[in-house]
Amino acid sequence: MKIRLSDTGLLPELLDFLRRSEYDALYDDRDDVIVAAPPSRSFGAAGARLDLELRLRSWQARHPGVEVGLVETVT
């Protein structure tokens, strides 16, 4: 899954947050974040997407005015 963030200065903080949540997360060359659900969690693609969306909303609530969201699924 790919995440786009409106304030790229916060990318390191978002990566740290996702990694603490056991997601594999890294930058791509366009300042997007590529994430993969933790293998330790047993939910399908829809469950993984929902889990990530909820975590992103939690992170976003602590950063008013910052837009963050999933932009596509990476295969």
PDB file of N, CA and C in Angstrom:
ATOM      1  N   MET A   1       0.854  -1.170   0.000  1.00  0.00           N
ATOM      2  CA  MET A   1       0.000   0.000   0.000  1.00  0.00           C
ATOM      3  C   MET A   1       0.897   1.230   0.000  1.00  0.00           C
ATOM      4  N   LYS A   2       0.393   2.301  -0.558  1.00  0.00           N
ATOM      5  CA  LYS A   2       1.173   3.523  -0.654  1.00  0.00           C
ATOM      6  C   LYS A   2       0.431   4.652   0.068  1.00  0.00           C
ATOM      7  N   ILE A   3       1.200   5.453   0.806  1.00  0.00           N
ATOM      8  CA  ILE A   3       0.651   6.575   1.570  1.00  0.00           C
ATOM      9  C   ILE A   3       1.259   7.860   1.037  1.00  0.00           C
ATOM     10  N   ARG A   4       0.441   8.867   0.930  1.00  0.00           N
ATOM     11  CA  ARG A   4       0.929  10.201   0.553  1.00  0.00           C
ATOM     12  C   ARG A   4       0.645  11.150   1.711  1.00  0.00           C
ATOM     13  N   LEU A   5       1.597  12.028   1.964  1.00  0.00           N
ATOM     14  CA  LEU A   5       1.547  12.959   3.082  1.00  0.00           C
ATOM     15  C   LEU A   5       1.712  14.375   2.556  1.00  0.00           C
ATOM     16  N   SER A   6       0.872  15.301   3.022  1.00  0.00           N
ATOM     17  CA  SER A   6       0.934  16.674   2.503  1.00  0.00           C
ATOM     18  C   SER A   6       2.159  17.448   2.985  1.00  0.00           C
ATOM     19  N   ASP A   7       2.725  17.070   4.104  1.00  0.00           N
ATOM     20  CA  ASP A   7       3.907  17.745   4.649  1.00  0.00           C
ATOM     21  C   ASP A   7       5.054  16.745   4.701  1.00  0.00           C
ATOM     22  N   THR A   8       5.898  16.737   3.675  1.00  0.00           N
ATOM     23  CA  THR A   8       6.966  15.747   3.604  1.00  0.00           C
ATOM     24  C   THR A   8       7.994  15.894   4.726  1.00  0.00           C
ATOM     25  N   GLY A   9       7.994  17.029   5.404  1.00  0.00           N
ATOM     26  CA  GLY A   9       8.880  17.192   6.557  1.00  0.00           C
ATOM     27  C   GLY A   9       8.522  16.252   7.700  1.00  0.00           C
ATOM     28  N   LEU A  10       7.298  15.729   7.682  1.00  0.00           N
ATOM     29  CA  LEU A  10       6.843  14.807   8.724  1.00  0.00           C
ATOM     30  C   LEU A  10       7.016  13.337   8.334  1.00  0.00           C
ATOM     31  N   LEU A  11       7.599  13.079   7.158  1.00  0.00           N
ATOM     32  CA  LEU A  11       7.783  11.693   6.728  1.00  0.00           C
ATOM     33  C   LEU A  11       8.577  10.847   7.724  1.00  0.00           C
ATOM     34  N   PRO A  12       9.700  11.335   8.269  1.00  0.00           N
ATOM     35  CA  PRO A  12      10.426  10.504   9.235  1.00  0.00           C
ATOM     36  C   PRO A  12       9.564  10.142  10.454  1.00  0.00           C
ATOM     37  N   GLU A  13       8.767  11.075  10.913  1.00  0.00           N
ATOM     38  CA  GLU A  13       7.909  10.815  12.068  1.00  0.00           C
ATOM     39  C   GLU A  13       6.836   9.781  11.726  1.00  0.00           C
ATOM     40  N   LEU A  14       6.249   9.888  10.533  1.00  0.00           N
ATOM     41  CA  LEU A  14       5.245   8.911  10.107  1.00  0.00           C
ATOM     42  C   LEU A  14       5.867   7.528   9.958  1.00  0.00           C
ATOM     43  N   LEU A  15       7.052   7.458   9.362  1.00  0.00           N
ATOM     44  CA  LEU A  15       7.738   6.167   9.232  1.00  0.00           C
ATOM     45  C   LEU A  15       7.986   5.539  10.592  1.00  0.00           C
ATOM     46  N   ASP A  16       8.447   6.328  11.537  1.00  0.00           N
ATOM     47  CA  ASP A  16       8.690   5.826  12.879  1.00  0.00           C
ATOM     48  C   ASP A  16       7.399   5.303  13.506  1.00  0.00           C
ATOM     49  N   PHE A  17       6.318   6.038  13.368  1.00  0.00           N
ATOM     50  CA  PHE A  17       5.018   5.631  13.898  1.00  0.00           C
ATOM     51  C   PHE A  17       4.579   4.293  13.297  1.00  0.00           C
ATOM     52  N   LEU A  18       4.702   4.164  11.981  1.00  0.00           N
ATOM     53  CA  LEU A  18       4.287   2.928  11.321  1.00  0.00           C
ATOM     54  C   LEU A  18       5.166   1.752  11.739  1.00  0.00           C
ATOM     55  N   ARG A  19       6.448   1.983  11.853  1.00  0.00           N
ATOM     56  CA  ARG A  19       7.362   0.903  12.257  1.00  0.00           C
ATOM     57  C   ARG A  19       7.102   0.460  13.690  1.00  0.00           C
ATOM     58  N   ARG A  20       6.757   1.408  14.559  1.00  0.00           N
ATOM     59  CA  ARG A  20       6.385   1.023  15.936  1.00  0.00           C
ATOM     60  C   ARG A  20       5.107   0.200  15.945  1.00  0.00           C
ATOM     61  N   SER A  21       4.275   0.360  14.928  1.00  0.00           N
ATOM     62  CA  SER A  21       3.039  -0.414  14.785  1.00  0.00           C
ATOM     63  C   SER A  21       3.291  -1.722  14.031  1.00  0.00           C
ATOM     64  N   GLU A  22       4.556  -2.055  13.826  1.00  0.00           N
ATOM     65  CA  GLU A  22       5.022  -3.284  13.192  1.00  0.00           C
ATOM     66  C   GLU A  22       4.786  -3.344  11.689  1.00  0.00           C
ATOM     67  N   TYR A  23       4.541  -2.194  11.053  1.00  0.00           N
ATOM     68  CA  TYR A  23       4.439  -2.156   9.604  1.00  0.00           C
ATOM     69  C   TYR A  23       5.825  -2.005   9.014  1.00  0.00           C
ATOM     70  N   ASP A  24       6.068  -2.666   7.887  1.00  0.00           N
ATOM     71  CA  ASP A  24       7.274  -2.392   7.109  1.00  0.00           C
ATOM     72  C   ASP A  24       6.976  -1.103   6.356  1.00  0.00           C
ATOM     73  N   ALA A  25       7.814  -0.114   6.496  1.00  0.00           N
ATOM     74  CA  ALA A  25       7.554   1.189   5.874  1.00  0.00           C
ATOM     75  C   ALA A  25       8.855   1.781   5.358  1.00  0.00           C
ATOM     76  N   LEU A  26       8.796   2.332   4.134  1.00  0.00           N
ATOM     77  CA  LEU A  26       9.967   2.978   3.547  1.00  0.00           C
ATOM     78  C   LEU A  26       9.526   4.051   2.571  1.00  0.00           C
ATOM     79  N   TYR A  27      10.446   4.992   2.300  1.00  0.00           N
ATOM     80  CA  TYR A  27      10.196   6.051   1.317  1.00  0.00           C
ATOM     81  C   TYR A  27      10.349   5.465  -0.079  1.00  0.00           C
ATOM     82  N   ASP A  28       9.600   6.011  -1.032  1.00  0.00           N
ATOM     83  CA  ASP A  28       9.951   5.749  -2.419  1.00  0.00           C
ATOM     84  C   ASP A  28      10.600   7.019  -2.969  1.00  0.00           C
ATOM     85  N   ASP A  29      10.934   7.030  -4.224  1.00  0.00           N
ATOM     86  CA  ASP A  29      11.668   8.169  -4.790  1.00  0.00           C
ATOM     87  C   ASP A  29      10.791   9.392  -5.025  1.00  0.00           C
ATOM     88  N   ARG A  30       9.501   9.310  -4.726  1.00  0.00           N
ATOM     89  CA  ARG A  30       8.602  10.448  -4.907  1.00  0.00           C
ATOM     90  C   ARG A  30       8.101  10.987  -3.573  1.00  0.00           C
ATOM     91  N   ASP A  31       8.775  10.656  -2.489  1.00  0.00           N
ATOM     92  CA  ASP A  31       8.395  11.069  -1.135  1.00  0.00           C
ATOM     93  C   ASP A  31       7.060  10.492  -0.703  1.00  0.00           C
ATOM     94  N   ASP A  32       6.686   9.348  -1.260  1.00  0.00           N
ATOM     95  CA  ASP A  32       5.547   8.599  -0.751  1.00  0.00           C
ATOM     96  C   ASP A  32       6.091   7.546   0.202  1.00  0.00           C
ATOM     97  N   VAL A  33       5.208   6.951   0.967  1.00  0.00           N
ATOM     98  CA  VAL A  33       5.598   5.887   1.884  1.00  0.00           C
ATOM     99  C   VAL A  33       4.961   4.590   1.387  1.00  0.00           C
ATOM    100  N   ILE A  34       5.772   3.562   1.240  1.00  0.00           N
ATOM    101  CA  ILE A  34       5.294   2.239   0.870  1.00  0.00           C
ATOM    102  C   ILE A  34       5.223   1.433   2.158  1.00  0.00           C
ATOM    103  N   VAL A  35       4.075   0.804   2.404  1.00  0.00           N
ATOM    104  CA  VAL A  35       3.911   0.029   3.630  1.00  0.00           C
ATOM    105  C   VAL A  35       3.410  -1.368   3.308  1.00  0.00           C
ATOM    106  N   ALA A  36       3.779  -2.291   4.163  1.00  0.00           N
ATOM    107  CA  ALA A  36       3.293  -3.665   4.095  1.00  0.00           C
ATOM    108  C   ALA A  36       2.817  -4.045   5.490  1.00  0.00           C
ATOM    109  N   ALA A  37       1.676  -4.725   5.534  1.00  0.00           N
ATOM    110  CA  ALA A  37       1.108  -5.141   6.813  1.00  0.00           C
ATOM    111  C   ALA A  37       2.061  -6.100   7.524  1.00  0.00           C
ATOM    112  N   PRO A  38       2.069  -6.055   8.839  1.00  0.00           N
ATOM    113  CA  PRO A  38       2.934  -6.949   9.599  1.00  0.00           C
ATOM    114  C   PRO A  38       2.527  -8.407   9.382  1.00  0.00           C
ATOM    115  N   PRO A  39       3.485  -9.268   9.111  1.00  0.00           N
ATOM    116  CA  PRO A  39       3.146 -10.682   8.907  1.00  0.00           C
ATOM    117  C   PRO A  39       2.599 -11.344  10.172  1.00  0.00           C
ATOM    118  N   SER A  40       2.855 -10.731  11.317  1.00  0.00           N
ATOM    119  CA  SER A  40       2.380 -11.312  12.579  1.00  0.00           C
ATOM    120  C   SER A  40       0.870 -11.180  12.758  1.00  0.00           C
ATOM    121  N   ARG A  41       0.236 -10.340  11.947  1.00  0.00           N
ATOM    122  CA  ARG A  41      -1.214 -10.152  12.053  1.00  0.00           C
ATOM    123  C   ARG A  41      -1.907 -10.980  10.979  1.00  0.00           C
ATOM    124  N   SER A  42      -2.931 -11.680  11.392  1.00  0.00           N
ATOM    125  CA  SER A  42      -3.616 -12.568  10.445  1.00  0.00           C
ATOM    126  C   SER A  42      -4.945 -11.965  10.003  1.00  0.00           C
ATOM    127  N   PHE A  43      -4.866 -10.983   9.123  1.00  0.00           N
ATOM    128  CA  PHE A  43      -6.069 -10.463   8.505  1.00  0.00           C
ATOM    129  C   PHE A  43      -5.814 -10.333   7.012  1.00  0.00           C
ATOM    130  N   GLY A  44      -6.880 -10.413   6.238  1.00  0.00           N
ATOM    131  CA  GLY A  44      -6.751 -10.329   4.792  1.00  0.00           C
ATOM    132  C   GLY A  44      -6.448  -8.915   4.340  1.00  0.00           C
ATOM    133  N   ALA A  45      -6.468  -8.736   3.029  1.00  0.00           N
ATOM    134  CA  ALA A  45      -6.141  -7.432   2.445  1.00  0.00           C
ATOM    135  C   ALA A  45      -7.084  -6.340   2.934  1.00  0.00           C
ATOM    136  N   ALA A  46      -8.374  -6.642   2.999  1.00  0.00           N
ATOM    137  CA  ALA A  46      -9.346  -5.629   3.445  1.00  0.00           C
ATOM    138  C   ALA A  46      -9.110  -5.263   4.910  1.00  0.00           C
ATOM    139  N   GLY A  47      -8.819  -6.250   5.736  1.00  0.00           N
ATOM    140  CA  GLY A  47      -8.543  -5.986   7.147  1.00  0.00           C
ATOM    141  C   GLY A  47      -7.267  -5.201   7.344  1.00  0.00           C
ATOM    142  N   ALA A  48      -6.255  -5.511   6.540  1.00  0.00           N
ATOM    143  CA  ALA A  48      -4.982  -4.785   6.619  1.00  0.00           C
ATOM    144  C   ALA A  48      -5.185  -3.325   6.230  1.00  0.00           C
ATOM    145  N   ARG A  49      -5.963  -3.098   5.181  1.00  0.00           N
ATOM    146  CA  ARG A  49      -6.232  -1.720   4.736  1.00  0.00           C
ATOM    147  C   ARG A  49      -6.985  -0.948   5.817  1.00  0.00           C
ATOM    148  N   LEU A  50      -7.994  -1.572   6.412  1.00  0.00           N
ATOM    149  CA  LEU A  50      -8.760  -0.912   7.474  1.00  0.00           C
ATOM    150  C   LEU A  50      -7.869  -0.605   8.671  1.00  0.00           C
ATOM    151  N   ASP A  51      -7.044  -1.559   9.073  1.00  0.00           N
ATOM    152  CA  ASP A  51      -6.137  -1.347  10.201  1.00  0.00           C
ATOM    153  C   ASP A  51      -5.215  -0.164   9.924  1.00  0.00           C
ATOM    154  N   LEU A  52      -4.651  -0.124   8.723  1.00  0.00           N
ATOM    155  CA  LEU A  52      -3.744   0.970   8.370  1.00  0.00           C
ATOM    156  C   LEU A  52      -4.490   2.303   8.335  1.00  0.00           C
ATOM    157  N   GLU A  53      -5.671   2.333   7.759  1.00  0.00           N
ATOM    158  CA  GLU A  53      -6.444   3.578   7.710  1.00  0.00           C
ATOM    159  C   GLU A  53      -6.734   4.101   9.111  1.00  0.00           C
ATOM    160  N   LEU A  54      -7.090   3.216  10.031  1.00  0.00           N
ATOM    161  CA  LEU A  54      -7.361   3.641  11.408  1.00  0.00           C
ATOM    162  C   LEU A  54      -6.097   4.180  12.078  1.00  0.00           C
ATOM    163  N   ARG A  55      -4.983   3.536  11.847  1.00  0.00           N
ATOM    164  CA  ARG A  55      -3.719   4.025  12.410  1.00  0.00           C
ATOM    165  C   ARG A  55      -3.346   5.390  11.827  1.00  0.00           C
ATOM    166  N   LEU A  56      -3.569   5.558  10.520  1.00  0.00           N
ATOM    167  CA  LEU A  56      -3.278   6.848   9.895  1.00  0.00           C
ATOM    168  C   LEU A  56      -4.171   7.948  10.456  1.00  0.00           C
ATOM    169  N   ARG A  57      -5.420   7.658  10.706  1.00  0.00           N
ATOM    170  CA  ARG A  57      -6.330   8.661  11.301  1.00  0.00           C
ATOM    171  C   ARG A  57      -5.874   9.028  12.705  1.00  0.00           C
ATOM    172  N   SER A  58      -5.395   8.048  13.442  1.00  0.00           N
ATOM    173  CA  SER A  58      -4.866   8.311  14.785  1.00  0.00           C
ATOM    174  C   SER A  58      -3.652   9.233  14.701  1.00  0.00           C
ATOM    175  N   TRP A  59      -2.739   8.945  13.773  1.00  0.00           N
ATOM    176  CA  TRP A  59      -1.549   9.783  13.601  1.00  0.00           C
ATOM    177  C   TRP A  59      -1.957  11.179  13.147  1.00  0.00           C
ATOM    178  N   GLN A  60      -2.894  11.250  12.221  1.00  0.00           N
ATOM    179  CA  GLN A  60      -3.343  12.530  11.685  1.00  0.00           C
ATOM    180  C   GLN A  60      -4.002  13.385  12.757  1.00  0.00           C
ATOM    181  N   ALA A  61      -4.701  12.785  13.684  1.00  0.00           N
ATOM    182  CA  ALA A  61      -5.354  13.534  14.764  1.00  0.00           C
ATOM    183  C   ALA A  61      -4.331  14.291  15.605  1.00  0.00           C
ATOM    184  N   ARG A  62      -3.106  13.798  15.659  1.00  0.00           N
ATOM    185  CA  ARG A  62      -2.041  14.470  16.414  1.00  0.00           C
ATOM    186  C   ARG A  62      -1.293  15.492  15.578  1.00  0.00           C
ATOM    187  N   HIS A  63      -1.694  15.625  14.306  1.00  0.00           N
ATOM    188  CA  HIS A  63      -1.048  16.568  13.385  1.00  0.00           C
ATOM    189  C   HIS A  63      -2.127  17.335  12.618  1.00  0.00           C
ATOM    190  N   PRO A  64      -2.855  18.218  13.304  1.00  0.00           N
ATOM    191  CA  PRO A  64      -3.933  18.961  12.653  1.00  0.00           C
ATOM    192  C   PRO A  64      -3.440  19.699  11.405  1.00  0.00           C
ATOM    193  N   GLY A  65      -4.246  19.663  10.369  1.00  0.00           N
ATOM    194  CA  GLY A  65      -3.916  20.357   9.138  1.00  0.00           C
ATOM    195  C   GLY A  65      -3.084  19.552   8.162  1.00  0.00           C
ATOM    196  N   VAL A  66      -2.588  18.405   8.583  1.00  0.00           N
ATOM    197  CA  VAL A  66      -1.788  17.554   7.703  1.00  0.00           C
ATOM    198  C   VAL A  66      -2.717  16.533   7.050  1.00  0.00           C
ATOM    199  N   GLU A  67      -2.604  16.437   5.733  1.00  0.00           N
ATOM    200  CA  GLU A  67      -3.382  15.446   4.995  1.00  0.00           C
ATOM    201  C   GLU A  67      -2.534  14.194   4.806  1.00  0.00           C
ATOM    202  N   VAL A  68      -3.135  13.045   5.097  1.00  0.00           N
ATOM    203  CA  VAL A  68      -2.452  11.766   4.914  1.00  0.00           C
ATOM    204  C   VAL A  68      -3.489  10.759   4.453  1.00  0.00           C
ATOM    205  N   GLY A  69      -3.100   9.928   3.508  1.00  0.00           N
ATOM    206  CA  GLY A  69      -4.054   8.940   3.034  1.00  0.00           C
ATOM    207  C   GLY A  69      -3.432   7.925   2.101  1.00  0.00           C
ATOM    208  N   LEU A  70      -4.133   6.820   1.942  1.00  0.00           N
ATOM    209  CA  LEU A  70      -3.720   5.783   1.008  1.00  0.00           C
ATOM    210  C   LEU A  70      -4.029   6.247  -0.404  1.00  0.00           C
ATOM    211  N   VAL A  71      -3.088   6.044  -1.305  1.00  0.00           N
ATOM    212  CA  VAL A  71      -3.306   6.489  -2.683  1.00  0.00           C
ATOM    213  C   VAL A  71      -3.436   5.348  -3.671  1.00  0.00           C
ATOM    214  N   GLU A  72      -2.905   4.197  -3.351  1.00  0.00           N
ATOM    215  CA  GLU A  72      -3.033   3.046  -4.244  1.00  0.00           C
ATOM    216  C   GLU A  72      -2.514   1.811  -3.552  1.00  0.00           C
ATOM    217  N   THR A  73      -2.816   0.688  -4.114  1.00  0.00           N
ATOM    218  CA  THR A  73      -2.268  -0.577  -3.637  1.00  0.00           C
ATOM    219  C   THR A  73      -1.092  -0.948  -4.512  1.00  0.00           C
ATOM    220  N   VAL A  74       0.016  -1.299  -3.890  1.00  0.00           N
ATOM    221  CA  VAL A  74       1.209  -1.692  -4.608  1.00  0.00           C
ATOM    222  C   VAL A  74       1.241  -3.212  -4.663  1.00  0.00           C
ATOM    223  N   THR A  75       1.463  -3.757  -5.828  1.00  0.00           N
ATOM    224  CA  THR A  75       1.520  -5.221  -5.959  1.00  0.00           C
ATOM    225  C   THR A  75       2.919  -5.688  -6.172  1.00  0.00           C
TER     226      THR A  75
END
